[in-house]
Amino acid sequence: MTSIYLPLVRKKIRRNHFQLRLQRGQSSVEYVIVCSALAFALGVGMIDDNSVLWQLINAFKLAYQKFSFALSLPT
């Protein structure tokens, strides 16, 4: 009785494996799309110095300056 159902089970396993292989890179594609949309949204307003992206860049610069100053202090 089990030998009758064995080919059906193997066929179902192969089909599920093929579907999983198709979905394997889907999350990385979604990640790239979301990051690209975010970068575009932030980059659109880079015309003046008061844009969100320039504020973010200046905040990173200031944080790194403070970090490097703290590292340069004697112990």
PDB file of N, CA and C in Angstrom:
ATOM      1  N   MET A   1       0.814  -1.187   0.000  1.00  0.00           N
ATOM      2  CA  MET A   1       0.000   0.000   0.000  1.00  0.00           C
ATOM      3  C   MET A   1       0.863   1.258   0.000  1.00  0.00           C
ATOM      4  N   THR A   2       1.984   1.285   0.722  1.00  0.00           N
ATOM      5  CA  THR A   2       2.820   2.472   0.777  1.00  0.00           C
ATOM      6  C   THR A   2       3.577   2.688  -0.522  1.00  0.00           C
ATOM      7  N   SER A   3       3.842   1.612  -1.268  1.00  0.00           N
ATOM      8  CA  SER A   3       4.576   1.778  -2.524  1.00  0.00           C
ATOM      9  C   SER A   3       3.741   2.503  -3.570  1.00  0.00           C
ATOM     10  N   ILE A   4       2.430   2.512  -3.424  1.00  0.00           N
ATOM     11  CA  ILE A   4       1.562   3.227  -4.365  1.00  0.00           C
ATOM     12  C   ILE A   4       1.690   4.734  -4.143  1.00  0.00           C
ATOM     13  N   TYR A   5       1.775   5.163  -2.885  1.00  0.00           N
ATOM     14  CA  TYR A   5       1.804   6.578  -2.561  1.00  0.00           C
ATOM     15  C   TYR A   5       3.203   7.184  -2.609  1.00  0.00           C
ATOM     16  N   LEU A   6       4.223   6.378  -2.650  1.00  0.00           N
ATOM     17  CA  LEU A   6       5.591   6.868  -2.629  1.00  0.00           C
ATOM     18  C   LEU A   6       5.917   7.781  -3.811  1.00  0.00           C
ATOM     19  N   PRO A   7       5.559   7.445  -5.055  1.00  0.00           N
ATOM     20  CA  PRO A   7       5.834   8.376  -6.145  1.00  0.00           C
ATOM     21  C   PRO A   7       5.106   9.712  -5.995  1.00  0.00           C
ATOM     22  N   LEU A   8       3.917   9.702  -5.444  1.00  0.00           N
ATOM     23  CA  LEU A   8       3.183  10.949  -5.234  1.00  0.00           C
ATOM     24  C   LEU A   8       3.863  11.825  -4.194  1.00  0.00           C
ATOM     25  N   VAL A   9       4.383  11.191  -3.147  1.00  0.00           N
ATOM     26  CA  VAL A   9       5.077  11.932  -2.100  1.00  0.00           C
ATOM     27  C   VAL A   9       6.370  12.531  -2.648  1.00  0.00           C
ATOM     28  N   ARG A  10       7.111  11.761  -3.429  1.00  0.00           N
ATOM     29  CA  ARG A  10       8.349  12.274  -4.022  1.00  0.00           C
ATOM     30  C   ARG A  10       8.080  13.438  -4.952  1.00  0.00           C
ATOM     31  N   LYS A  11       7.007  13.351  -5.723  1.00  0.00           N
ATOM     32  CA  LYS A  11       6.667  14.430  -6.639  1.00  0.00           C
ATOM     33  C   LYS A  11       6.315  15.707  -5.870  1.00  0.00           C
ATOM     34  N   LYS A  12       5.582  15.551  -4.760  1.00  0.00           N
ATOM     35  CA  LYS A  12       5.219  16.699  -3.946  1.00  0.00           C
ATOM     36  C   LYS A  12       6.459  17.320  -3.297  1.00  0.00           C
ATOM     37  N   ILE A  13       7.392  16.498  -2.843  1.00  0.00           N
ATOM     38  CA  ILE A  13       8.620  17.001  -2.231  1.00  0.00           C
ATOM     39  C   ILE A  13       9.441  17.773  -3.259  1.00  0.00           C
ATOM     40  N   ARG A  14       9.551  17.252  -4.476  1.00  0.00           N
ATOM     41  CA  ARG A  14      10.302  17.955  -5.529  1.00  0.00           C
ATOM     42  C   ARG A  14       9.660  19.297  -5.854  1.00  0.00           C
ATOM     43  N   ARG A  15       8.328  19.328  -5.907  1.00  0.00           N
ATOM     44  CA  ARG A  15       7.624  20.569  -6.223  1.00  0.00           C
ATOM     45  C   ARG A  15       7.863  21.603  -5.125  1.00  0.00           C
ATOM     46  N   ASN A  16       7.789  21.182  -3.859  1.00  0.00           N
ATOM     47  CA  ASN A  16       8.026  22.106  -2.752  1.00  0.00           C
ATOM     48  C   ASN A  16       9.467  22.603  -2.748  1.00  0.00           C
ATOM     49  N   HIS A  17      10.411  21.738  -3.053  1.00  0.00           N
ATOM     50  CA  HIS A  17      11.813  22.144  -3.105  1.00  0.00           C
ATOM     51  C   HIS A  17      12.036  23.168  -4.218  1.00  0.00           C
ATOM     52  N   PHE A  18      11.401  22.985  -5.364  1.00  0.00           N
ATOM     53  CA  PHE A  18      11.537  23.931  -6.467  1.00  0.00           C
ATOM     54  C   PHE A  18      10.945  25.285  -6.088  1.00  0.00           C
ATOM     55  N   GLN A  19       9.810  25.293  -5.396  1.00  0.00           N
ATOM     56  CA  GLN A  19       9.201  26.544  -4.972  1.00  0.00           C
ATOM     57  C   GLN A  19      10.079  27.266  -3.958  1.00  0.00           C
ATOM     58  N   LEU A  20      10.713  26.521  -3.067  1.00  0.00           N
ATOM     59  CA  LEU A  20      11.614  27.138  -2.098  1.00  0.00           C
ATOM     60  C   LEU A  20      12.835  27.727  -2.783  1.00  0.00           C
ATOM     61  N   ARG A  21      13.341  27.062  -3.822  1.00  0.00           N
ATOM     62  CA  ARG A  21      14.503  27.596  -4.541  1.00  0.00           C
ATOM     63  C   ARG A  21      14.146  28.897  -5.240  1.00  0.00           C
ATOM     64  N   LEU A  22      12.910  29.035  -5.721  1.00  0.00           N
ATOM     65  CA  LEU A  22      12.500  30.268  -6.381  1.00  0.00           C
ATOM     66  C   LEU A  22      12.385  31.419  -5.384  1.00  0.00           C
ATOM     67  N   GLN A  23      12.032  31.129  -4.151  1.00  0.00           N
ATOM     68  CA  GLN A  23      11.845  32.166  -3.144  1.00  0.00           C
ATOM     69  C   GLN A  23      13.118  32.468  -2.366  1.00  0.00           C
ATOM     70  N   ARG A  24      14.188  31.802  -2.653  1.00  0.00           N
ATOM     71  CA  ARG A  24      15.407  31.938  -1.862  1.00  0.00           C
ATOM     72  C   ARG A  24      15.959  33.360  -1.874  1.00  0.00           C
ATOM     73  N   GLY A  25      16.005  34.057  -2.995  1.00  0.00           N
ATOM     74  CA  GLY A  25      16.576  35.392  -3.077  1.00  0.00           C
ATOM     75  C   GLY A  25      15.562  36.509  -2.980  1.00  0.00           C
ATOM     76  N   GLN A  26      14.346  36.201  -2.625  1.00  0.00           N
ATOM     77  CA  GLN A  26      13.292  37.206  -2.620  1.00  0.00           C
ATOM     78  C   GLN A  26      13.529  38.270  -1.556  1.00  0.00           C
ATOM     79  N   SER A  27      13.996  37.908  -0.390  1.00  0.00           N
ATOM     80  CA  SER A  27      14.169  38.896   0.674  1.00  0.00           C
ATOM     81  C   SER A  27      15.278  39.887   0.331  1.00  0.00           C
ATOM     82  N   SER A  28      16.333  39.443  -0.335  1.00  0.00           N
ATOM     83  CA  SER A  28      17.392  40.379  -0.701  1.00  0.00           C
ATOM     84  C   SER A  28      16.914  41.366  -1.761  1.00  0.00           C
ATOM     85  N   VAL A  29      16.064  40.929  -2.658  1.00  0.00           N
ATOM     86  CA  VAL A  29      15.508  41.839  -3.663  1.00  0.00           C
ATOM     87  C   VAL A  29      14.619  42.878  -2.985  1.00  0.00           C
ATOM     88  N   GLU A  30      13.797  42.452  -2.043  1.00  0.00           N
ATOM     89  CA  GLU A  30      12.950  43.387  -1.313  1.00  0.00           C
ATOM     90  C   GLU A  30      13.795  44.373  -0.507  1.00  0.00           C
ATOM     91  N   TYR A  31      14.871  43.910   0.082  1.00  0.00           N
ATOM     92  CA  TYR A  31      15.757  44.775   0.852  1.00  0.00           C
ATOM     93  C   TYR A  31      16.385  45.839  -0.046  1.00  0.00           C
ATOM     94  N   VAL A  32      16.829  45.455  -1.224  1.00  0.00           N
ATOM     95  CA  VAL A  32      17.432  46.407  -2.158  1.00  0.00           C
ATOM     96  C   VAL A  32      16.405  47.441  -2.600  1.00  0.00           C
ATOM     97  N   ILE A  33      15.183  47.021  -2.867  1.00  0.00           N
ATOM     98  CA  ILE A  33      14.148  47.951  -3.301  1.00  0.00           C
ATOM     99  C   ILE A  33      13.826  48.959  -2.203  1.00  0.00           C
ATOM    100  N   VAL A  34      13.691  48.494  -0.960  1.00  0.00           N
ATOM    101  CA  VAL A  34      13.371  49.388   0.146  1.00  0.00           C
ATOM    102  C   VAL A  34      14.522  50.364   0.402  1.00  0.00           C
ATOM    103  N   CYS A  35      15.748  49.875   0.380  1.00  0.00           N
ATOM    104  CA  CYS A  35      16.903  50.753   0.594  1.00  0.00           C
ATOM    105  C   CYS A  35      17.054  51.767  -0.530  1.00  0.00           C
ATOM    106  N   SER A  36      16.787  51.357  -1.753  1.00  0.00           N
ATOM    107  CA  SER A  36      16.851  52.287  -2.879  1.00  0.00           C
ATOM    108  C   SER A  36      15.790  53.369  -2.762  1.00  0.00           C
ATOM    109  N   ALA A  37      14.593  52.995  -2.370  1.00  0.00           N
ATOM    110  CA  ALA A  37      13.520  53.983  -2.201  1.00  0.00           C
ATOM    111  C   ALA A  37      13.856  54.960  -1.080  1.00  0.00           C
ATOM    112  N   LEU A  38      14.424  54.463   0.002  1.00  0.00           N
ATOM    113  CA  LEU A  38      14.816  55.328   1.111  1.00  0.00           C
ATOM    114  C   LEU A  38      15.936  56.279   0.697  1.00  0.00           C
ATOM    115  N   ALA A  39      16.938  55.769  -0.008  1.00  0.00           N
ATOM    116  CA  ALA A  39      18.035  56.616  -0.472  1.00  0.00           C
ATOM    117  C   ALA A  39      17.530  57.673  -1.454  1.00  0.00           C
ATOM    118  N   PHE A  40      16.602  57.293  -2.318  1.00  0.00           N
ATOM    119  CA  PHE A  40      16.032  58.254  -3.258  1.00  0.00           C
ATOM    120  C   PHE A  40      15.235  59.320  -2.520  1.00  0.00           C
ATOM    121  N   ALA A  41      14.448  58.906  -1.526  1.00  0.00           N
ATOM    122  CA  ALA A  41      13.635  59.866  -0.771  1.00  0.00           C
ATOM    123  C   ALA A  41      14.511  60.845   0.001  1.00  0.00           C
ATOM    124  N   LEU A  42      15.615  60.365   0.554  1.00  0.00           N
ATOM    125  CA  LEU A  42      16.518  61.265   1.269  1.00  0.00           C
ATOM    126  C   LEU A  42      17.344  62.119   0.317  1.00  0.00           C
ATOM    127  N   GLY A  43      17.695  61.568  -0.823  1.00  0.00           N
ATOM    128  CA  GLY A  43      18.554  62.279  -1.761  1.00  0.00           C
ATOM    129  C   GLY A  43      17.856  63.312  -2.606  1.00  0.00           C
ATOM    130  N   VAL A  44      16.536  63.236  -2.697  1.00  0.00           N
ATOM    131  CA  VAL A  44      15.807  64.194  -3.531  1.00  0.00           C
ATOM    132  C   VAL A  44      15.966  65.612  -2.997  1.00  0.00           C
ATOM    133  N   GLY A  45      15.964  65.761  -1.691  1.00  0.00           N
ATOM    134  CA  GLY A  45      16.025  67.089  -1.100  1.00  0.00           C
ATOM    135  C   GLY A  45      17.420  67.592  -0.822  1.00  0.00           C
ATOM    136  N   MET A  46      18.440  67.136  -1.551  1.00  0.00           N
ATOM    137  CA  MET A  46      19.821  67.565  -1.286  1.00  0.00           C
ATOM    138  C   MET A  46      20.178  68.874  -1.970  1.00  0.00           C
ATOM    139  N   ILE A  47      19.198  69.631  -2.374  1.00  0.00           N
ATOM    140  CA  ILE A  47      19.471  70.874  -3.086  1.00  0.00           C
ATOM    141  C   ILE A  47      20.065  71.923  -2.146  1.00  0.00           C
ATOM    142  N   ASP A  48      19.504  72.055  -0.960  1.00  0.00           N
ATOM    143  CA  ASP A  48      20.020  73.037  -0.007  1.00  0.00           C
ATOM    144  C   ASP A  48      20.787  72.344   1.121  1.00  0.00           C
ATOM    145  N   ASP A  49      21.407  73.169   1.966  1.00  0.00           N
ATOM    146  CA  ASP A  49      22.210  72.613   3.062  1.00  0.00           C
ATOM    147  C   ASP A  49      21.368  72.161   4.247  1.00  0.00           C
ATOM    148  N   ASN A  50      20.082  72.430   4.212  1.00  0.00           N
ATOM    149  CA  ASN A  50      19.217  72.079   5.325  1.00  0.00           C
ATOM    150  C   ASN A  50      18.418  70.809   5.061  1.00  0.00           C
ATOM    151  N   SER A  51      18.827  70.008   4.099  1.00  0.00           N
ATOM    152  CA  SER A  51      18.087  68.788   3.775  1.00  0.00           C
ATOM    153  C   SER A  51      18.330  67.718   4.839  1.00  0.00           C
ATOM    154  N   VAL A  52      17.481  66.719   4.841  1.00  0.00           N
ATOM    155  CA  VAL A  52      17.572  65.650   5.835  1.00  0.00           C
ATOM    156  C   VAL A  52      18.869  64.868   5.674  1.00  0.00           C
ATOM    157  N   LEU A  53      19.262  64.610   4.444  1.00  0.00           N
ATOM    158  CA  LEU A  53      20.479  63.835   4.215  1.00  0.00           C
ATOM    159  C   LEU A  53      21.722  64.593   4.670  1.00  0.00           C
ATOM    160  N   TRP A  54      21.783  65.906   4.422  1.00  0.00           N
ATOM    161  CA  TRP A  54      22.944  66.673   4.884  1.00  0.00           C
ATOM    162  C   TRP A  54      22.979  66.742   6.406  1.00  0.00           C
ATOM    163  N   GLN A  55      21.805  66.843   7.032  1.00  0.00           N
ATOM    164  CA  GLN A  55      21.765  66.835   8.496  1.00  0.00           C
ATOM    165  C   GLN A  55      22.274  65.500   9.041  1.00  0.00           C
ATOM    166  N   LEU A  56      21.902  64.403   8.384  1.00  0.00           N
ATOM    167  CA  LEU A  56      22.367  63.085   8.804  1.00  0.00           C
ATOM    168  C   LEU A  56      23.879  62.947   8.622  1.00  0.00           C
ATOM    169  N   ILE A  57      24.389  63.418   7.502  1.00  0.00           N
ATOM    170  CA  ILE A  57      25.840  63.356   7.251  1.00  0.00           C
ATOM    171  C   ILE A  57      26.592  64.189   8.280  1.00  0.00           C
ATOM    172  N   ASN A  58      26.097  65.401   8.567  1.00  0.00           N
ATOM    173  CA  ASN A  58      26.756  66.256   9.562  1.00  0.00           C
ATOM    174  C   ASN A  58      26.685  65.649  10.957  1.00  0.00           C
ATOM    175  N   ALA A  59      25.596  64.968  11.282  1.00  0.00           N
ATOM    176  CA  ALA A  59      25.489  64.309  12.587  1.00  0.00           C
ATOM    177  C   ALA A  59      26.508  63.181  12.708  1.00  0.00           C
ATOM    178  N   PHE A  60      26.703  62.414  11.622  1.00  0.00           N
ATOM    179  CA  PHE A  60      27.723  61.355  11.645  1.00  0.00           C
ATOM    180  C   PHE A  60      29.125  61.948  11.775  1.00  0.00           C
ATOM    181  N   LYS A  61      29.389  63.049  11.087  1.00  0.00           N
ATOM    182  CA  LYS A  61      30.697  63.704  11.192  1.00  0.00           C
ATOM    183  C   LYS A  61      30.961  64.172  12.619  1.00  0.00           C
ATOM    184  N   LEU A  62      29.957  64.811  13.221  1.00  0.00           N
ATOM    185  CA  LEU A  62      30.115  65.317  14.579  1.00  0.00           C
ATOM    186  C   LEU A  62      30.309  64.180  15.577  1.00  0.00           C
ATOM    187  N   ALA A  63      29.536  63.113  15.397  1.00  0.00           N
ATOM    188  CA  ALA A  63      29.674  61.966  16.301  1.00  0.00           C
ATOM    189  C   ALA A  63      31.060  61.334  16.172  1.00  0.00           C
ATOM    190  N   TYR A  64      31.581  61.245  14.949  1.00  0.00           N
ATOM    191  CA  TYR A  64      32.916  60.674  14.770  1.00  0.00           C
ATOM    192  C   TYR A  64      33.990  61.591  15.347  1.00  0.00           C
ATOM    193  N   GLN A  65      33.808  62.907  15.213  1.00  0.00           N
ATOM    194  CA  GLN A  65      34.776  63.843  15.805  1.00  0.00           C
ATOM    195  C   GLN A  65      34.818  63.702  17.323  1.00  0.00           C
ATOM    196  N   LYS A  66      33.633  63.582  17.932  1.00  0.00           N
ATOM    197  CA  LYS A  66      33.579  63.411  19.386  1.00  0.00           C
ATOM    198  C   LYS A  66      34.193  62.081  19.810  1.00  0.00           C
ATOM    199  N   PHE A  67      33.937  61.040  19.025  1.00  0.00           N
ATOM    200  CA  PHE A  67      34.492  59.721  19.326  1.00  0.00           C
ATOM    201  C   PHE A  67      36.008  59.728  19.212  1.00  0.00           C
ATOM    202  N   SER A  68      36.529  60.333  18.149  1.00  0.00           N
ATOM    203  CA  SER A  68      37.989  60.341  17.962  1.00  0.00           C
ATOM    204  C   SER A  68      38.658  61.232  19.011  1.00  0.00           C
ATOM    205  N   PHE A  69      37.984  62.307  19.430  1.00  0.00           N
ATOM    206  CA  PHE A  69      38.551  63.133  20.489  1.00  0.00           C
ATOM    207  C   PHE A  69      38.617  62.367  21.800  1.00  0.00           C
ATOM    208  N   ALA A  70      37.559  61.602  22.095  1.00  0.00           N
ATOM    209  CA  ALA A  70      37.551  60.826  23.328  1.00  0.00           C
ATOM    210  C   ALA A  70      38.629  59.750  23.301  1.00  0.00           C
ATOM    211  N   LEU A  71      38.910  59.192  22.150  1.00  0.00           N
ATOM    212  CA  LEU A  71      39.976  58.182  22.049  1.00  0.00           C
ATOM    213  C   LEU A  71      41.357  58.804  22.197  1.00  0.00           C
ATOM    214  N   SER A  72      41.501  60.059  21.807  1.00  0.00           N
ATOM    215  CA  SER A  72      42.829  60.678  21.847  1.00  0.00           C
ATOM    216  C   SER A  72      43.207  61.184  23.244  1.00  0.00           C
ATOM    217  N   LEU A  73      42.248  61.210  24.157  1.00  0.00           N
ATOM    218  CA  LEU A  73      42.551  61.677  25.514  1.00  0.00           C
ATOM    219  C   LEU A  73      43.481  60.690  26.212  1.00  0.00           C
ATOM    220  N   PRO A  74      44.400  61.201  27.010  1.00  0.00           N
ATOM    221  CA  PRO A  74      45.289  60.269  27.743  1.00  0.00           C
ATOM    222  C   PRO A  74      44.518  59.538  28.842  1.00  0.00           C
ATOM    223  N   THR A  75      44.989  58.375  29.163  1.00  0.00           N
ATOM    224  CA  THR A  75      44.284  57.580  30.178  1.00  0.00           C
ATOM    225  C   THR A  75      44.765  57.863  31.559  1.00  0.00           C
TER     226      THR A  75
END
